[in-house]
């Protein structure tokens, strides 16, 4: 997955689903973990 696509997906999650059952800071944390798996 390219970084631009990855960031686009993350932006879509943040913009389209601002009200989630989990705190917003948890999104970048989870995304960072996925990024480590993808690019490591």
PDB file of N, CA and C in Angstrom:
ATOM      1  N   UNK A   1       0.855  -1.204   0.000  1.00  0.00           N
ATOM      2  CA  UNK A   1       0.000   0.000   0.000  1.00  0.00           C
ATOM      3  C   UNK A   1       0.887   1.249   0.000  1.00  0.00           C
ATOM      4  N   UNK A   2       0.638   2.132  -0.966  1.00  0.00           N
ATOM      5  CA  UNK A   2       1.430   3.350  -1.025  1.00  0.00           C
ATOM      6  C   UNK A   2       1.041   4.288   0.106  1.00  0.00           C
ATOM      7  N   UNK A   3       1.964   5.141   0.511  1.00  0.00           N
ATOM      8  CA  UNK A   3       1.707   6.034   1.638  1.00  0.00           C
ATOM      9  C   UNK A   3       0.585   7.014   1.320  1.00  0.00           C
ATOM     10  N   UNK A   4       0.516   7.471   0.061  1.00  0.00           N
ATOM     11  CA  UNK A   4      -0.528   8.430  -0.315  1.00  0.00           C
ATOM     12  C   UNK A   4      -1.910   7.799  -0.184  1.00  0.00           C
ATOM     13  N   UNK A   5      -2.054   6.567  -0.634  1.00  0.00           N
ATOM     14  CA  UNK A   5      -3.329   5.865  -0.508  1.00  0.00           C
ATOM     15  C   UNK A   5      -3.662   5.637   0.956  1.00  0.00           C
ATOM     16  N   UNK A   6      -2.643   5.258   1.715  1.00  0.00           N
ATOM     17  CA  UNK A   6      -2.809   5.019   3.142  1.00  0.00           C
ATOM     18  C   UNK A   6      -3.299   6.273   3.859  1.00  0.00           C
ATOM     19  N   UNK A   7      -2.673   7.408   3.548  1.00  0.00           N
ATOM     20  CA  UNK A   7      -3.090   8.665   4.168  1.00  0.00           C
ATOM     21  C   UNK A   7      -4.485   9.056   3.714  1.00  0.00           C
ATOM     22  N   UNK A   8      -4.807   8.766   2.465  1.00  0.00           N
ATOM     23  CA  UNK A   8      -6.138   9.076   1.940  1.00  0.00           C
ATOM     24  C   UNK A   8      -7.198   8.278   2.697  1.00  0.00           C
ATOM     25  N   UNK A   9      -6.923   7.004   2.926  1.00  0.00           N
ATOM     26  CA  UNK A   9      -7.862   6.168   3.678  1.00  0.00           C
ATOM     27  C   UNK A   9      -8.022   6.686   5.106  1.00  0.00           C
ATOM     28  N   UNK A  10      -6.915   7.076   5.710  1.00  0.00           N
ATOM     29  CA  UNK A  10      -6.962   7.602   7.070  1.00  0.00           C
ATOM     30  C   UNK A  10      -7.770   8.893   7.117  1.00  0.00           C
ATOM     31  N   UNK A  11      -7.571   9.752   6.121  1.00  0.00           N
ATOM     32  CA  UNK A  11      -8.340  10.996   6.055  1.00  0.00           C
ATOM     33  C   UNK A  11      -9.830  10.704   5.887  1.00  0.00           C
ATOM     34  N   UNK A  12     -10.146   9.715   5.066  1.00  0.00           N
ATOM     35  CA  UNK A  12     -11.549   9.355   4.864  1.00  0.00           C
ATOM     36  C   UNK A  12     -12.188   8.876   6.161  1.00  0.00           C
ATOM     37  N   UNK A  13     -11.452   8.094   6.927  1.00  0.00           N
ATOM     38  CA  UNK A  13     -11.975   7.623   8.213  1.00  0.00           C
ATOM     39  C   UNK A  13     -12.222   8.786   9.161  1.00  0.00           C
ATOM     40  N   UNK A  14     -11.291   9.735   9.159  1.00  0.00           N
ATOM     41  CA  UNK A  14     -11.401  10.864  10.084  1.00  0.00           C
ATOM     42  C   UNK A  14     -12.527  11.804   9.687  1.00  0.00           C
ATOM     43  N   UNK A  15     -12.681  12.024   8.378  1.00  0.00           N
ATOM     44  CA  UNK A  15     -13.670  12.995   7.901  1.00  0.00           C
ATOM     45  C   UNK A  15     -15.077  12.392   7.888  1.00  0.00           C
ATOM     46  N   UNK A  16     -15.184  11.165   7.381  1.00  0.00           N
ATOM     47  CA  UNK A  16     -16.507  10.573   7.203  1.00  0.00           C
ATOM     48  C   UNK A  16     -17.072  10.000   8.502  1.00  0.00           C
ATOM     49  N   UNK A  17     -16.193   9.617   9.412  1.00  0.00           N
ATOM     50  CA  UNK A  17     -16.650   9.006  10.662  1.00  0.00           C
ATOM     51  C   UNK A  17     -16.065   9.745  11.858  1.00  0.00           C
ATOM     52  N   UNK A  18     -16.404  11.021  12.047  1.00  0.00           N
ATOM     53  CA  UNK A  18     -15.844  11.788  13.163  1.00  0.00           C
ATOM     54  C   UNK A  18     -16.346  11.295  14.513  1.00  0.00           C
ATOM     55  N   UNK A  19     -17.585  10.792  14.538  1.00  0.00           N
ATOM     56  CA  UNK A  19     -18.161  10.302  15.792  1.00  0.00           C
ATOM     57  C   UNK A  19     -18.062   8.781  15.830  1.00  0.00           C
ATOM     58  N   UNK A  20     -17.067   8.274  16.542  1.00  0.00           N
ATOM     59  CA  UNK A  20     -16.844   6.839  16.610  1.00  0.00           C
ATOM     60  C   UNK A  20     -16.970   6.358  18.049  1.00  0.00           C
ATOM     61  N   UNK A  21     -17.030   5.052  18.216  1.00  0.00           N
ATOM     62  CA  UNK A  21     -17.148   4.472  19.554  1.00  0.00           C
ATOM     63  C   UNK A  21     -15.828   4.524  20.312  1.00  0.00           C
ATOM     64  N   UNK A  22     -14.741   4.806  19.594  1.00  0.00           N
ATOM     65  CA  UNK A  22     -13.439   4.886  20.236  1.00  0.00           C
ATOM     66  C   UNK A  22     -12.854   6.275  20.016  1.00  0.00           C
ATOM     67  N   UNK A  23     -11.946   6.706  20.901  1.00  0.00           N
ATOM     68  CA  UNK A  23     -11.388   8.064  20.802  1.00  0.00           C
ATOM     69  C   UNK A  23     -10.634   8.264  19.501  1.00  0.00           C
ATOM     70  N   UNK A  24     -10.666   9.487  18.975  1.00  0.00           N
ATOM     71  CA  UNK A  24      -9.956   9.817  17.738  1.00  0.00           C
ATOM     72  C   UNK A  24      -8.458   9.503  17.822  1.00  0.00           C
ATOM     73  N   UNK A  25      -7.769   9.775  18.951  1.00  0.00           N
ATOM     74  CA  UNK A  25      -6.338   9.458  19.017  1.00  0.00           C
ATOM     75  C   UNK A  25      -6.024   7.980  18.775  1.00  0.00           C
ATOM     76  N   UNK A  26      -7.001   7.112  18.982  1.00  0.00           N
ATOM     77  CA  UNK A  26      -6.763   5.690  18.763  1.00  0.00           C
ATOM     78  C   UNK A  26      -6.611   5.356  17.275  1.00  0.00           C
ATOM     79  N   UNK A  27      -7.161   6.213  16.402  1.00  0.00           N
ATOM     80  CA  UNK A  27      -7.045   5.970  14.963  1.00  0.00           C
ATOM     81  C   UNK A  27      -5.588   6.031  14.497  1.00  0.00           C
ATOM     82  N   UNK A  28      -4.861   7.132  14.765  1.00  0.00           N
ATOM     83  CA  UNK A  28      -3.465   7.164  14.326  1.00  0.00           C
ATOM     84  C   UNK A  28      -2.599   6.095  14.985  1.00  0.00           C
ATOM     85  N   UNK A  29      -2.914   5.739  16.210  1.00  0.00           N
ATOM     86  CA  UNK A  29      -2.146   4.682  16.879  1.00  0.00           C
ATOM     87  C   UNK A  29      -2.331   3.354  16.144  1.00  0.00           C
ATOM     88  N   UNK A  30      -3.571   3.006  15.837  1.00  0.00           N
ATOM     89  CA  UNK A  30      -3.841   1.768  15.114  1.00  0.00           C
ATOM     90  C   UNK A  30      -3.235   1.834  13.716  1.00  0.00           C
ATOM     91  N   UNK A  31      -3.380   3.000  13.085  1.00  0.00           N
ATOM     92  CA  UNK A  31      -2.839   3.184  11.738  1.00  0.00           C
ATOM     93  C   UNK A  31      -1.319   3.037  11.752  1.00  0.00           C
ATOM     94  N   UNK A  32      -0.684   3.559  12.792  1.00  0.00           N
ATOM     95  CA  UNK A  32       0.775   3.468  12.898  1.00  0.00           C
ATOM     96  C   UNK A  32       1.202   2.003  13.013  1.00  0.00           C
ATOM     97  N   UNK A  33       0.457   1.224  13.757  1.00  0.00           N
ATOM     98  CA  UNK A  33       0.761  -0.195  13.897  1.00  0.00           C
ATOM     99  C   UNK A  33       0.620  -0.905  12.546  1.00  0.00           C
ATOM    100  N   UNK A  34      -0.440  -0.576  11.806  1.00  0.00           N
ATOM    101  CA  UNK A  34      -0.632  -1.166  10.481  1.00  0.00           C
ATOM    102  C   UNK A  34       0.480  -0.739   9.535  1.00  0.00           C
ATOM    103  N   UNK A  35       0.880   0.534   9.643  1.00  0.00           N
ATOM    104  CA  UNK A  35       1.957   1.043   8.797  1.00  0.00           C
ATOM    105  C   UNK A  35       3.247   0.267   9.067  1.00  0.00           C
ATOM    106  N   UNK A  36       3.541  -0.016  10.346  1.00  0.00           N
ATOM    107  CA  UNK A  36       4.742  -0.774  10.694  1.00  0.00           C
ATOM    108  C   UNK A  36       4.697  -2.164  10.056  1.00  0.00           C
ATOM    109  N   UNK A  37       3.524  -2.775  10.064  1.00  0.00           N
ATOM    110  CA  UNK A  37       3.386  -4.099   9.467  1.00  0.00           C
ATOM    111  C   UNK A  37       3.572  -4.040   7.950  1.00  0.00           C
ATOM    112  N   UNK A  38       3.056  -2.990   7.327  1.00  0.00           N
ATOM    113  CA  UNK A  38       3.128  -2.868   5.867  1.00  0.00           C
ATOM    114  C   UNK A  38       4.548  -2.575   5.374  1.00  0.00           C
ATOM    115  N   UNK A  39       5.265  -1.689   6.066  1.00  0.00           N
ATOM    116  CA  UNK A  39       6.524  -1.175   5.547  1.00  0.00           C
ATOM    117  C   UNK A  39       7.760  -1.764   6.218  1.00  0.00           C
ATOM    118  N   UNK A  40       7.564  -2.565   7.275  1.00  0.00           N
ATOM    119  CA  UNK A  40       8.724  -3.136   7.948  1.00  0.00           C
ATOM    120  C   UNK A  40       9.347  -4.241   7.089  1.00  0.00           C
TER     121      UNK A  40
END
